[in-house]
Amino acid sequence: MKNVLVVDDDRVTRHLLQSVLEKAGYSVTTAGDGNEALERVRRTGAVDPDLILLDVWMPGMSGLDVFDHLRDEGLQPRVVVMTSDDTPETLLSALKGQALHFMAKPIEPGALIEAVEQALSKDAALGIEVVSSRPDWVELIVPCTREAAARIEGFLTHLDTDLTPAVRESVGYAFRELLLNAIEWGGKLDPDRKVRIAYLRAKRMLLYRIADPGPGFRLEDLSHAAITHEGDPMEHMKAREEKGLRPGGFGLMLVEAKVDELLYNEARNEVVFVKYLDPNQKLQG
C-alpha cells in the first residue's frame, strides 16, 4: 500500500484529502505545517512517504521552503503541489523544485486521485531540467515520455490563466499536438532522449519552440496526414487504412488553423508557433 503525506495548514482540507485518499486505498499521514512535514520525512527517509501533497502558503515555513530544505538535505520524495496561488513565480518555483504536478485549489476528488496515480507511476519521477524559469521566458529539457508531456502541459497551461478561453484552448491544443509529435516521432518514446521546449511571453504575442532529437521529416512523406492533401483532406484516410493506423491525421492541419504563425527549421525537427495577443493585454509578472 502506497503512503501519502498530506501537508496543509487547514485542518478541514487535510481531513477531506485524507478521507478521499483512504477510500481510494492509500495509507495517509498528515502534517499541519512545513516544519512538521520535514520532521516526518527526515524520520522516514526519501522513499517513505511515497508521495507528498504539499500546500504552498503555510505559516512559518512555506511549501517552497520545504522544497529547498529537502533538496539541501539530499531528500527527493515525489511531490504534488497544491495552492490557490497560480502566479507564474509560484508555478515555476514548484517546477524548479521538481514537483510532479500542480493542483489549483479547491481540489476535486477525481482530479486528486488522477494526479496521485500519475505522480506514483514509474516514469513520473524522470527529471525535467529547468534551463530558465523567468515568467516571460521558460526553457525546459524534457524526457521523451507521455508522462513528462502531460506534466509540462499542466504547468505551462497555468501560466496563461489571464488569456481568454479561446486563446488558451488554441495554444493548448497546438502545444500538446506538437509536443506529442516531438516525443513520439522524434524521440521514439525513449526516456533517455530529450525534447527542448521554450515558452516566451511578450506583450503582444506568445511563442513556443519545440526541438526534438530526431532526424526530422519531409512533409511529402506524411501521406497519412490531412495536411499533405489540401485539395482533399479526406484522402489521407485511405493511406491510414493501408498502413493500419487508427482514424485521425488532422493534428497538423488543426494546429495551422489555431495559431498565427507556424515555422519549421530545414530538417523539420524543430518547430516554432506564435499566437498574437490583444495589444491591450498586460504581461503577467
Protein backbone atom coordinates (compact mmCIF):
# COMPACT_ATOMS: atom_id res chain seq x y z
CA MET A 1 0.00 0.00 0.00
CA LYS A 2 1.37 3.42 -1.02
CA ASN A 3 1.79 6.04 1.72
CA VAL A 4 0.83 9.66 1.04
CA LEU A 5 1.77 12.56 3.32
CA VAL A 6 -0.77 15.43 3.16
CA VAL A 7 0.71 18.78 4.25
CA ASP A 8 -1.74 21.67 4.70
CA ASP A 9 -2.30 24.19 7.48
CA ASP A 10 -6.08 23.99 7.02
CA ARG A 11 -7.48 21.15 9.17
CA VAL A 12 -10.65 20.71 7.11
CA THR A 13 -8.63 20.40 3.89
CA ARG A 14 -6.29 17.85 5.47
CA HIS A 15 -9.15 15.67 6.66
CA LEU A 16 -11.01 15.92 3.35
CA LEU A 17 -7.96 14.89 1.31
CA GLN A 18 -7.16 12.13 3.79
CA SER A 19 -10.68 10.74 3.51
CA VAL A 20 -10.66 10.75 -0.31
CA LEU A 21 -7.25 9.06 -0.49
CA GLU A 22 -8.01 6.42 2.13
CA LYS A 23 -11.21 5.47 0.30
CA ALA A 24 -9.04 5.01 -2.81
CA GLY A 25 -6.81 2.56 -0.94
CA TYR A 26 -3.88 4.75 0.13
CA SER A 27 -2.28 4.93 3.56
CA VAL A 28 -2.34 8.59 4.63
CA THR A 29 -0.50 10.62 7.23
CA THR A 30 -0.89 14.37 7.71
CA ALA A 31 1.13 17.39 8.78
CA GLY A 32 -0.17 20.84 9.66
CA ASP A 33 2.86 22.88 8.58
CA GLY A 34 6.20 22.72 6.82
CA ASN A 35 8.29 22.02 9.90
CA GLU A 36 6.15 19.03 10.87
CA ALA A 37 6.35 17.74 7.28
CA LEU A 38 10.14 17.98 7.27
CA GLU A 39 10.40 16.08 10.54
CA ARG A 40 8.21 13.28 9.21
CA VAL A 41 10.28 12.95 6.02
CA ARG A 42 13.57 13.11 7.93
CA ARG A 43 12.47 10.30 10.23
CA THR A 44 11.37 8.00 7.40
CA GLY A 45 13.78 8.95 4.58
CA ALA A 46 13.24 9.86 0.94
CA VAL A 47 11.32 6.71 -0.08
CA ASP A 48 8.65 6.87 2.63
CA PRO A 49 6.27 8.61 2.20
CA ASP A 50 5.86 7.55 -1.42
CA LEU A 51 4.28 10.91 -2.24
CA ILE A 52 3.78 14.31 -0.57
CA LEU A 53 0.76 16.51 -1.26
CA LEU A 54 2.23 19.88 -0.33
CA ASP A 55 0.40 23.17 0.22
CA VAL A 56 2.42 26.24 -0.77
CA TRP A 57 1.43 29.03 1.60
CA MET A 58 1.55 27.98 5.26
CA PRO A 59 2.56 29.95 8.36
CA GLY A 60 6.17 29.60 9.49
CA MET A 61 7.54 27.67 6.54
CA SER A 62 6.04 27.70 3.05
CA GLY A 63 5.86 24.66 0.82
CA LEU A 64 8.51 26.24 -1.40
CA ASP A 65 10.81 26.47 1.65
CA VAL A 66 10.13 22.79 2.32
CA PHE A 67 11.29 22.07 -1.23
CA ASP A 68 14.55 23.94 -0.59
CA HIS A 69 15.23 22.06 2.65
CA LEU A 70 14.52 18.68 1.04
CA ARG A 71 16.97 19.41 -1.79
CA ASP A 72 19.64 20.72 0.60
CA GLU A 73 19.39 17.53 2.67
CA GLY A 74 19.50 15.22 -0.35
CA LEU A 75 15.90 14.05 0.16
CA GLN A 76 13.89 13.81 -3.05
CA PRO A 77 10.42 12.38 -2.41
CA ARG A 78 7.77 12.72 -5.08
CA VAL A 79 5.74 15.90 -4.57
CA VAL A 80 2.44 17.26 -5.86
CA VAL A 81 1.92 20.96 -5.13
CA MET A 82 -1.48 22.31 -4.03
CA THR A 83 -2.30 26.02 -3.87
CA SER A 84 -4.80 28.72 -4.75
CA ASP A 85 -1.83 30.89 -5.80
CA ASP A 86 -1.31 30.26 -9.51
CA THR A 87 1.06 33.15 -10.21
CA PRO A 88 3.89 32.35 -12.64
CA GLU A 89 6.50 32.75 -9.91
CA THR A 90 4.84 30.11 -7.71
CA LEU A 91 4.27 27.74 -10.62
CA LEU A 92 7.84 27.96 -11.82
CA SER A 93 9.28 27.61 -8.32
CA ALA A 94 7.30 24.39 -7.95
CA LEU A 95 8.52 23.13 -11.32
CA LYS A 96 12.11 24.05 -10.50
CA GLY A 97 11.75 22.10 -7.26
CA GLN A 98 10.80 19.06 -9.37
CA ALA A 99 7.13 18.97 -8.36
CA LEU A 100 5.36 16.32 -10.40
CA HIS A 101 2.03 18.12 -10.64
CA PHE A 102 0.45 21.44 -9.78
CA MET A 103 -3.12 21.37 -8.45
CA ALA A 104 -5.21 24.51 -8.04
CA LYS A 105 -7.49 24.64 -5.02
CA PRO A 106 -10.27 23.71 -4.41
CA ILE A 107 -9.36 20.17 -5.47
CA GLU A 108 -11.96 17.81 -6.91
CA PRO A 109 -11.75 14.22 -5.60
CA GLY A 110 -11.50 12.71 -9.09
CA ALA A 111 -8.72 15.10 -10.12
CA LEU A 112 -6.89 14.35 -6.86
CA ILE A 113 -6.87 10.58 -7.42
CA GLU A 114 -5.81 11.02 -11.04
CA ALA A 115 -2.91 13.30 -10.07
CA VAL A 116 -1.76 10.92 -7.32
CA GLU A 117 -1.87 7.92 -9.67
CA GLN A 118 0.13 9.79 -12.31
CA ALA A 119 2.68 11.03 -9.76
CA LEU A 120 3.24 7.49 -8.48
CA SER A 121 3.68 5.99 -11.96
CA LYS A 122 7.09 4.61 -12.89
CA ASP A 123 8.04 7.33 -15.39
CA ALA A 124 6.73 10.31 -13.40
CA ALA A 125 9.99 10.75 -11.48
CA LEU A 126 12.10 11.21 -14.61
CA GLY A 127 13.85 14.53 -14.20
CA ILE A 128 12.96 17.68 -16.10
CA GLU A 129 15.79 20.17 -16.40
CA VAL A 130 14.77 23.80 -15.91
CA VAL A 131 17.10 25.94 -18.05
CA SER A 132 15.22 29.21 -17.49
CA SER A 133 12.34 29.95 -15.12
CA ARG A 134 11.55 33.59 -15.82
CA PRO A 135 7.79 34.16 -16.19
CA ASP A 136 8.39 35.62 -19.66
CA TRP A 137 10.99 33.02 -20.70
CA VAL A 138 10.64 29.41 -19.63
CA GLU A 139 13.01 26.85 -21.10
CA LEU A 140 12.95 23.14 -20.28
CA ILE A 141 14.66 19.91 -21.29
CA VAL A 142 12.16 17.06 -21.07
CA PRO A 143 12.46 13.25 -21.36
CA CYS A 144 10.60 11.71 -24.29
CA THR A 145 7.69 10.16 -22.38
CA ARG A 146 3.96 10.86 -22.48
CA GLU A 147 4.00 11.30 -18.70
CA ALA A 148 6.56 14.11 -18.97
CA ALA A 149 4.49 15.73 -21.73
CA ALA A 150 1.38 15.71 -19.54
CA ARG A 151 3.35 17.11 -16.61
CA ILE A 152 4.76 20.02 -18.63
CA GLU A 153 1.45 20.75 -20.30
CA GLY A 154 -0.17 21.04 -16.87
CA PHE A 155 2.39 23.57 -15.65
CA LEU A 156 2.51 25.71 -18.79
CA THR A 157 -1.28 25.81 -19.09
CA HIS A 158 -1.44 27.53 -15.71
CA LEU A 159 0.94 30.25 -16.93
CA ASP A 160 -1.75 31.52 -19.33
CA THR A 161 -4.71 31.82 -16.99
CA ASP A 162 -5.08 35.54 -17.84
CA LEU A 163 -5.78 34.78 -21.51
CA THR A 164 -9.25 34.35 -22.97
CA PRO A 165 -10.63 30.79 -23.00
CA ALA A 166 -10.48 30.74 -26.81
CA VAL A 167 -6.79 31.70 -26.91
CA ARG A 168 -5.93 29.23 -24.12
CA GLU A 169 -7.71 26.44 -25.99
CA SER A 170 -5.92 27.23 -29.27
CA VAL A 171 -2.48 27.49 -27.67
CA GLY A 172 -3.03 24.43 -25.51
CA TYR A 173 -4.11 22.28 -28.47
CA ALA A 174 -1.18 23.39 -30.63
CA PHE A 175 1.37 22.84 -27.87
CA ARG A 176 0.00 19.41 -26.94
CA GLU A 177 -0.10 18.20 -30.56
CA LEU A 178 3.39 19.42 -31.45
CA LEU A 179 4.95 18.23 -28.19
CA LEU A 180 3.49 14.74 -28.54
CA ASN A 181 4.69 14.61 -32.16
CA ALA A 182 8.19 15.53 -30.96
CA ILE A 183 8.16 12.95 -28.16
CA GLU A 184 6.51 10.11 -30.06
CA TRP A 185 8.02 10.52 -33.54
CA GLY A 186 11.23 12.48 -32.91
CA GLY A 187 12.11 10.91 -29.55
CA LYS A 188 10.55 7.47 -30.20
CA LEU A 189 9.21 7.49 -26.60
CA ASP A 190 12.75 6.88 -25.37
CA PRO A 191 13.16 8.46 -21.90
CA ASP A 192 16.92 8.75 -22.49
CA ARG A 193 16.26 11.15 -25.37
CA LYS A 194 15.23 14.74 -24.70
CA VAL A 195 12.99 17.41 -26.17
CA ARG A 196 13.89 21.07 -25.61
CA ILE A 197 10.96 23.43 -25.03
CA ALA A 198 10.95 27.22 -24.86
CA TYR A 199 7.98 29.39 -23.89
CA LEU A 200 8.27 33.15 -24.49
CA ARG A 201 5.61 35.59 -23.35
CA ALA A 202 5.72 39.13 -24.76
CA LYS A 203 3.13 41.89 -24.51
CA ARG A 204 1.64 41.13 -27.89
CA MET A 205 2.44 37.50 -28.53
CA LEU A 206 3.07 34.03 -27.19
CA LEU A 207 5.85 31.97 -28.76
CA TYR A 208 6.58 28.27 -28.27
CA ARG A 209 9.64 26.50 -29.63
CA ILE A 210 9.97 22.69 -29.57
CA ALA A 211 13.14 20.89 -30.71
CA ASP A 212 13.23 17.09 -30.79
CA PRO A 213 16.24 14.70 -31.05
CA GLY A 214 15.06 13.01 -34.24
CA PRO A 215 16.35 13.46 -37.80
CA GLY A 216 13.25 15.40 -38.85
CA PHE A 217 10.79 14.55 -41.60
CA ARG A 218 9.65 15.51 -45.08
CA LEU A 219 6.09 16.72 -45.43
CA GLU A 220 5.64 14.77 -48.65
CA ASP A 221 6.30 11.55 -46.74
CA LEU A 222 3.29 12.13 -44.48
CA SER A 223 0.71 10.58 -46.79
CA HIS A 224 -1.27 9.59 -43.67
CA ALA A 225 -1.70 13.25 -42.58
CA ALA A 226 -4.51 15.51 -43.80
CA ILE A 227 -2.10 18.43 -44.21
CA THR A 228 -0.47 16.73 -47.23
CA HIS A 229 -3.80 16.51 -49.08
CA GLU A 230 -5.04 20.10 -49.00
CA GLY A 231 -7.20 19.59 -52.07
CA ASP A 232 -8.92 16.59 -50.49
CA PRO A 233 -8.16 16.33 -46.77
CA MET A 234 -10.06 13.03 -46.53
CA GLU A 235 -7.65 11.37 -48.98
CA HIS A 236 -5.24 10.69 -46.14
CA MET A 237 -7.77 8.30 -44.59
CA LYS A 238 -7.04 5.79 -47.35
CA ALA A 239 -3.32 5.97 -46.57
CA ARG A 240 -4.00 5.48 -42.86
CA GLU A 241 -6.16 2.45 -43.57
CA GLU A 242 -3.47 0.93 -45.81
CA LYS A 243 -0.86 1.48 -43.06
CA GLY A 244 -3.10 0.06 -40.35
CA LEU A 245 -3.25 3.37 -38.48
CA ARG A 246 -6.18 4.47 -36.34
CA PRO A 247 -8.52 7.16 -37.73
CA GLY A 248 -7.12 10.66 -37.32
CA GLY A 249 -4.32 12.58 -39.00
CA PHE A 250 -5.85 16.05 -38.70
CA GLY A 251 -3.45 17.26 -36.00
CA LEU A 252 -1.07 19.44 -38.01
CA MET A 253 -3.92 20.87 -40.08
CA LEU A 254 -5.75 21.90 -36.92
CA VAL A 255 -2.56 23.36 -35.43
CA GLU A 256 -2.16 25.59 -38.51
CA ALA A 257 -5.74 26.80 -38.05
CA LYS A 258 -5.33 27.56 -34.33
CA VAL A 259 -2.08 29.58 -34.37
CA ASP A 260 -0.99 32.67 -36.30
CA GLU A 261 2.49 31.54 -37.37
CA LEU A 262 3.90 28.01 -37.70
CA LEU A 263 7.56 27.68 -38.71
CA TYR A 264 9.85 24.65 -39.10
CA ASN A 265 13.61 24.54 -39.48
CA GLU A 266 15.04 22.91 -42.60
CA ALA A 267 15.19 19.39 -41.15
CA ARG A 268 11.73 19.79 -39.55
CA ASN A 269 12.93 18.54 -36.18
CA GLU A 270 12.35 21.97 -34.65
CA VAL A 271 9.13 23.97 -34.75
CA VAL A 272 8.06 27.44 -33.60
CA PHE A 273 4.50 28.66 -33.32
CA VAL A 274 3.24 32.13 -32.49
CA LYS A 275 -0.10 33.32 -31.20
CA TYR A 276 -0.68 37.07 -31.35
CA LEU A 277 -2.45 38.66 -28.40
CA ASP A 278 -4.64 41.69 -27.90
CA PRO A 279 -2.19 44.63 -27.80
CA ASN A 280 -4.04 45.87 -24.69
CA GLN A 281 -3.35 42.56 -22.90
CA LYS A 282 -0.97 43.09 -19.98
CA LEU A 283 2.02 40.84 -19.37
CA GLN A 284 1.82 38.84 -16.15
CA GLY A 285 4.57 39.05 -13.59
